[in-house]
């Protein structure tokens, strides 16, 4: 007898189709499935018509709703199970594989005459092509305006690329030589006015910033003057301390030299048998008095 269900060898669950088995495997990571002749239960609630696939599910339904009358339609729904993978999935896989292939990219088609005019005005070929493409080949003015608005773009000098199957819009008719000259003159005049306006705005910003720069400059000069004054005072105090120390050292040396000279003179007088005069104590004496002094 052909199998009417698939049974999970890991948990024993009965499944009606391969698709249900795949979903069960994704949810539980179970991969051991086999055909079973046991049909999946189909217990239909006689009150509300809800189908239940197991006795446990019908018991839960009864507990929640109070419905207890079920009709067993398992034999009616039982039929041999197909083990073929649904074609929809295979087709979707082919579509994904086709979409994953890299798409061919080409340089977009632009108005050759407008491109030449932009190159004559000094624009590189890549920048001119990009400007014409993204401005829709509308006009020379539109392309120049696009360049002015996107001149700071990192890729402005890179050649634009579009998919090969993109439908290119038909280029719009170009200008006559007279219209071109007038348009170029108008663009130059507009660029000159724009530059003058920017210079005026820059001058206003500079004038506004001038008082602030003056104030900051004065503060820096004052701070520098105070620092120099403090350094000068510190050096003067240091020099004064050094001079005072030198004076004290000289006085000490002079006193020591005077004492040594007086003692030597007294010793000379005693050696010659004469008395000496002590200037310190204002007295005359011999060797004993010298020792006392």
Protein backbone atom coordinates (compact mmCIF):
# COMPACT_ATOMS: atom_id res chain seq x y z
CA UNK A 1 0.00 0.00 0.00
CA UNK A 2 1.33 3.43 -0.93
CA UNK A 3 2.10 5.81 1.90
CA UNK A 4 -0.53 8.41 2.73
CA UNK A 5 1.68 10.53 5.02
CA UNK A 6 5.25 11.22 6.06
CA UNK A 7 6.31 10.41 9.60
CA UNK A 8 9.17 12.18 11.39
CA UNK A 9 11.50 9.52 12.80
CA UNK A 10 12.70 11.91 15.50
CA UNK A 11 9.40 13.04 17.06
CA UNK A 12 6.78 10.77 15.38
CA UNK A 13 4.74 13.63 13.89
CA UNK A 14 2.59 12.77 10.83
CA UNK A 15 2.78 15.18 7.88
CA UNK A 16 0.52 15.36 4.82
CA UNK A 17 3.05 16.48 2.17
CA UNK A 18 6.71 17.02 1.33
CA UNK A 19 6.23 20.76 1.81
CA UNK A 20 4.98 20.22 5.37
CA UNK A 21 7.97 17.94 6.01
CA UNK A 22 10.34 20.67 4.78
CA UNK A 23 8.68 23.25 7.05
CA UNK A 24 8.86 20.81 9.97
CA UNK A 25 12.57 20.24 9.29
CA UNK A 26 13.26 24.00 9.22
CA UNK A 27 11.47 24.51 12.54
CA UNK A 28 12.82 21.48 14.42
CA UNK A 29 16.05 20.56 12.52
CA UNK A 30 14.69 17.00 12.22
CA UNK A 31 15.82 15.24 9.04
CA UNK A 32 14.71 11.60 9.47
CA UNK A 33 11.43 11.17 7.52
CA UNK A 34 9.77 8.05 6.12
CA UNK A 35 6.53 7.11 4.37
CA UNK A 36 3.70 5.90 6.57
CA UNK A 37 0.44 4.10 5.82
CA UNK A 38 -1.16 5.82 8.79
CA UNK A 39 -3.25 8.74 7.62
CA UNK A 40 -3.10 12.12 9.30
CA UNK A 41 -6.21 12.54 11.45
CA UNK A 42 -8.85 14.94 10.21
CA UNK A 43 -11.26 15.51 13.10
CA UNK A 44 -13.74 18.25 12.17
CA UNK A 45 -15.60 20.09 14.93
CA UNK A 46 -19.33 19.63 14.38
CA UNK A 47 -20.10 22.99 16.00
CA UNK A 48 -17.63 25.42 14.36
CA UNK A 49 -16.08 23.28 11.59
CA UNK A 50 -12.46 23.62 12.76
CA UNK A 51 -10.27 20.70 11.57
CA UNK A 52 -7.98 19.07 14.14
CA UNK A 53 -5.07 16.88 13.10
CA UNK A 54 -4.67 14.94 16.34
CA UNK A 55 -6.55 13.83 19.44
CA UNK A 56 -4.47 16.24 21.51
CA UNK A 57 -5.46 19.15 19.28
CA UNK A 58 -9.15 18.22 19.50
CA UNK A 59 -8.90 17.99 23.31
CA UNK A 60 -7.36 21.46 23.46
CA UNK A 61 -10.11 22.80 21.20
CA UNK A 62 -12.75 21.29 23.48
CA UNK A 63 -11.07 22.78 26.54
CA UNK A 64 -10.95 26.27 25.00
CA UNK A 65 -14.40 26.37 23.36
CA UNK A 66 -16.44 23.66 25.07
CA UNK A 67 -17.17 21.99 21.71
CA UNK A 68 -17.07 18.22 22.10
CA UNK A 69 -18.76 16.92 18.93
CA UNK A 70 -16.17 15.94 16.27
CA UNK A 71 -16.64 14.12 12.94
CA UNK A 72 -13.79 11.84 11.79
CA UNK A 73 -13.11 12.55 8.09
CA UNK A 74 -9.67 10.96 8.01
CA UNK A 75 -10.62 8.36 5.39
CA UNK A 76 -12.08 11.01 3.08
CA UNK A 77 -8.92 13.14 3.08
CA UNK A 78 -6.46 10.22 2.92
CA UNK A 79 -4.75 9.81 -0.46
CA UNK A 80 -1.32 8.61 -1.65
CA UNK A 81 1.37 11.15 -0.87
CA UNK A 82 3.50 12.67 -3.65
CA UNK A 83 7.24 12.78 -2.99
CA UNK A 84 7.96 15.30 -5.78
CA UNK A 85 9.25 18.75 -4.87
CA UNK A 86 6.77 21.48 -5.92
CA UNK A 87 7.68 23.04 -9.27
CA UNK A 88 7.11 26.53 -7.94
CA UNK A 89 10.17 26.26 -5.75
CA UNK A 90 12.28 24.95 -8.63
CA UNK A 91 11.17 27.85 -10.79
CA UNK A 92 11.94 30.32 -8.00
CA UNK A 93 15.42 28.83 -7.63
CA UNK A 94 16.00 29.30 -11.36
CA UNK A 95 14.83 32.91 -11.08
CA UNK A 96 17.20 33.52 -8.15
CA UNK A 97 20.08 31.96 -10.07
CA UNK A 98 19.31 34.13 -13.09
CA UNK A 99 19.08 37.28 -10.98
CA UNK A 100 22.41 36.50 -9.29
CA UNK A 101 24.27 36.73 -12.60
CA UNK A 102 26.12 40.06 -13.03
CA UNK A 103 24.33 42.53 -15.28
CA UNK A 104 26.23 44.13 -18.14
CA UNK A 105 26.92 47.84 -17.61
CA UNK A 106 27.50 50.34 -20.43
CA UNK A 107 28.14 54.08 -20.81
CA UNK A 108 24.80 55.88 -21.30
CA UNK A 109 24.03 57.53 -24.62
CA UNK A 110 24.02 61.35 -24.50
CA UNK A 111 23.64 64.21 -26.97
CA UNK A 112 26.92 64.24 -28.91
CA UNK A 113 26.59 67.91 -29.84
CA UNK A 114 25.97 69.00 -26.26
CA UNK A 115 28.86 66.79 -25.18
CA UNK A 116 31.17 68.51 -27.67
CA UNK A 117 30.00 71.94 -26.53
CA UNK A 118 30.70 71.08 -22.89
CA UNK A 119 34.17 69.79 -23.79
CA UNK A 120 34.84 73.04 -25.68
CA UNK A 121 33.95 74.92 -22.50
CA UNK A 122 36.71 72.99 -20.68
CA UNK A 123 34.77 70.18 -18.98
CA UNK A 124 36.35 66.68 -19.00
CA UNK A 125 34.55 64.04 -21.08
CA UNK A 126 33.53 61.95 -18.05
CA UNK A 127 32.16 64.97 -16.16
CA UNK A 128 30.30 66.24 -19.23
CA UNK A 129 28.81 62.79 -19.91
CA UNK A 130 27.71 62.43 -16.28
CA UNK A 131 26.16 65.91 -16.29
CA UNK A 132 24.20 65.29 -19.51
CA UNK A 133 23.01 61.87 -18.34
CA UNK A 134 21.77 63.00 -14.93
CA UNK A 135 20.26 66.22 -16.29
CA UNK A 136 18.29 64.19 -18.84
CA UNK A 137 20.05 65.63 -21.93
CA UNK A 138 17.75 68.61 -21.42
CA UNK A 139 20.04 71.48 -22.35
CA UNK A 140 23.50 72.93 -22.00
CA UNK A 141 22.31 75.12 -19.12
CA UNK A 142 20.88 72.15 -17.22
CA UNK A 143 24.15 70.25 -17.60
CA UNK A 144 26.23 73.22 -16.39
CA UNK A 145 23.88 73.72 -13.43
CA UNK A 146 24.21 70.03 -12.55
CA UNK A 147 28.01 70.33 -12.59
CA UNK A 148 27.83 73.42 -10.36
CA UNK A 149 25.60 71.59 -7.87
CA UNK A 150 27.72 68.40 -7.81
CA UNK A 151 31.26 69.72 -8.28
CA UNK A 152 32.25 68.40 -4.83
CA UNK A 153 31.09 64.83 -5.53
CA UNK A 154 33.88 62.27 -5.19
CA UNK A 155 32.92 60.45 -8.41
CA UNK A 156 32.16 63.48 -10.58
CA UNK A 157 35.05 62.65 -12.95
CA UNK A 158 34.11 58.97 -13.27
CA UNK A 159 32.29 57.81 -16.41
CA UNK A 160 28.67 56.89 -15.52
CA UNK A 161 27.48 53.32 -16.16
CA UNK A 162 23.92 52.03 -16.63
CA UNK A 163 22.50 48.52 -17.24
CA UNK A 164 22.65 47.44 -20.88
CA UNK A 165 18.89 46.80 -21.01
CA UNK A 166 18.03 50.32 -19.81
CA UNK A 167 15.99 52.23 -22.33
CA UNK A 168 17.80 55.40 -23.28
CA UNK A 169 15.70 58.50 -23.74
CA UNK A 170 15.92 60.20 -27.10
CA UNK A 171 18.26 63.22 -26.89
CA UNK A 172 16.51 66.54 -27.18
CA UNK A 173 17.43 68.84 -30.07
CA UNK A 174 20.49 71.00 -29.50
CA UNK A 175 20.81 74.78 -29.82
CA UNK A 176 21.71 76.73 -32.93
CA UNK A 177 25.16 78.44 -33.04
CA UNK A 178 23.60 81.84 -32.26
CA UNK A 179 21.59 80.42 -29.37
CA UNK A 180 24.67 78.59 -28.15
CA UNK A 181 26.75 81.79 -28.06
CA UNK A 182 23.98 83.65 -26.26
CA UNK A 183 23.60 80.82 -23.78
CA UNK A 184 27.34 80.65 -23.14
CA UNK A 185 27.44 84.40 -22.57
CA UNK A 186 24.49 84.12 -20.19
CA UNK A 187 26.18 81.31 -18.29
CA UNK A 188 29.43 83.27 -18.01
CA UNK A 189 27.53 86.32 -16.76
CA UNK A 190 25.67 84.20 -14.25
CA UNK A 191 28.91 82.62 -13.04
CA UNK A 192 30.49 86.09 -12.69
CA UNK A 193 27.54 87.38 -10.65
CA UNK A 194 27.59 84.29 -8.49
CA UNK A 195 31.30 84.78 -7.83
CA UNK A 196 30.77 88.44 -6.93
CA UNK A 197 27.98 87.51 -4.52
CA UNK A 198 30.21 84.92 -2.87
CA UNK A 199 33.01 87.49 -2.54
CA UNK A 200 30.59 89.98 -0.98
CA UNK A 201 29.37 87.38 1.50
CA UNK A 202 32.97 86.46 2.30
CA UNK A 203 33.78 90.17 2.86
CA UNK A 204 30.82 90.54 5.22
CA UNK A 205 31.88 87.48 7.18
CA UNK A 206 35.41 88.87 7.34
CA UNK A 207 34.20 92.25 8.62
CA UNK A 208 32.03 90.57 11.22
CA UNK A 209 34.94 88.46 12.35
CA UNK A 210 37.36 91.45 12.46
CA UNK A 211 36.30 92.86 15.90
CA UNK A 212 36.51 89.41 17.38
CA UNK A 213 40.02 88.92 15.99
CA UNK A 214 41.04 92.33 17.39
CA UNK A 215 39.70 91.42 20.83
CA UNK A 216 41.46 88.07 20.80
CA UNK A 217 44.68 89.74 19.63
CA UNK A 218 44.54 92.27 22.46
CA UNK A 219 43.95 89.53 25.01
CA UNK A 220 46.93 87.59 23.68
CA UNK A 221 49.18 90.68 23.81
CA UNK A 222 48.06 91.49 27.36
CA UNK A 223 48.70 87.92 28.48
CA UNK A 224 52.15 88.03 26.88
CA UNK A 225 52.95 91.37 28.58
CA UNK A 226 51.89 90.03 31.99
CA UNK A 227 53.99 86.92 31.49
CA UNK A 228 57.06 88.98 30.53
CA UNK A 229 56.55 91.31 33.53
CA UNK A 230 56.31 88.37 35.93
CA UNK A 231 59.45 86.86 34.44
CA UNK A 232 61.32 90.18 34.79
CA UNK A 233 60.28 90.48 38.46
CA UNK A 234 61.36 86.92 39.13
CA UNK A 235 64.79 87.53 37.59
CA UNK A 236 65.23 90.77 39.59
CA UNK A 237 64.35 89.02 42.86
CA UNK A 238 66.75 86.21 42.03
CA UNK A 239 69.56 88.67 41.22
CA UNK A 240 68.92 90.60 44.44
CA UNK A 241 69.10 87.42 46.51
CA UNK A 242 72.37 86.47 44.81
CA UNK A 243 73.89 89.90 45.56
CA UNK A 244 72.82 89.72 49.21
CA UNK A 245 74.37 86.30 49.54
CA UNK A 246 77.61 87.54 47.96
CA UNK A 247 77.72 90.54 50.37
CA UNK A 248 77.30 88.31 53.40
CA UNK A 249 80.02 86.00 52.15
CA UNK A 250 82.42 88.95 51.65
CA UNK A 251 81.73 90.30 55.15
CA UNK A 252 82.30 86.88 56.66
CA UNK A 253 85.56 86.45 54.76
CA UNK A 254 86.75 89.95 55.77
CA UNK A 255 86.07 89.26 59.45
CA UNK A 256 87.90 85.95 59.29
CA UNK A 257 90.90 87.53 57.56
CA UNK A 258 91.01 90.34 60.19
CA UNK A 259 91.03 87.83 63.05
CA UNK A 260 93.80 85.83 61.45
CA UNK A 261 95.95 88.91 60.84
CA UNK A 262 95.47 90.19 64.44
CA UNK A 263 96.42 86.83 65.92
CA UNK A 264 99.50 86.58 63.72
CA UNK A 265 100.60 90.08 64.75
CA UNK A 266 100.14 89.28 68.44
CA UNK A 267 102.17 86.09 68.10
CA UNK A 268 104.96 88.11 66.47
CA UNK A 269 104.98 90.61 69.34
CA UNK A 270 105.09 87.87 71.96
CA UNK A 271 107.93 86.11 70.16
CA UNK A 272 109.95 89.35 70.27
CA UNK A 273 109.31 89.75 74.03
CA UNK A 274 107.04 92.70 73.69
CA UNK A 275 103.52 93.24 74.81
CA UNK A 276 100.66 93.50 72.35
CA UNK A 277 97.59 95.62 72.32
CA UNK A 278 94.23 93.85 71.98
CA UNK A 279 91.94 96.06 69.96
CA UNK A 280 89.00 93.84 70.78
CA UNK A 281 89.20 94.24 74.56
CA UNK A 282 91.34 97.44 74.61
CA UNK A 283 94.09 95.94 76.79
CA UNK A 284 97.76 95.06 76.79
CA UNK A 285 99.16 91.64 77.70
CA UNK A 286 101.56 88.83 77.10
CA UNK A 287 101.12 85.21 75.98
CA UNK A 288 98.47 84.40 78.59
CA UNK A 289 96.38 87.35 77.56
CA UNK A 290 96.75 86.28 73.91
CA UNK A 291 95.44 82.84 74.74
CA UNK A 292 92.57 84.40 76.66
CA UNK A 293 91.77 86.70 73.81
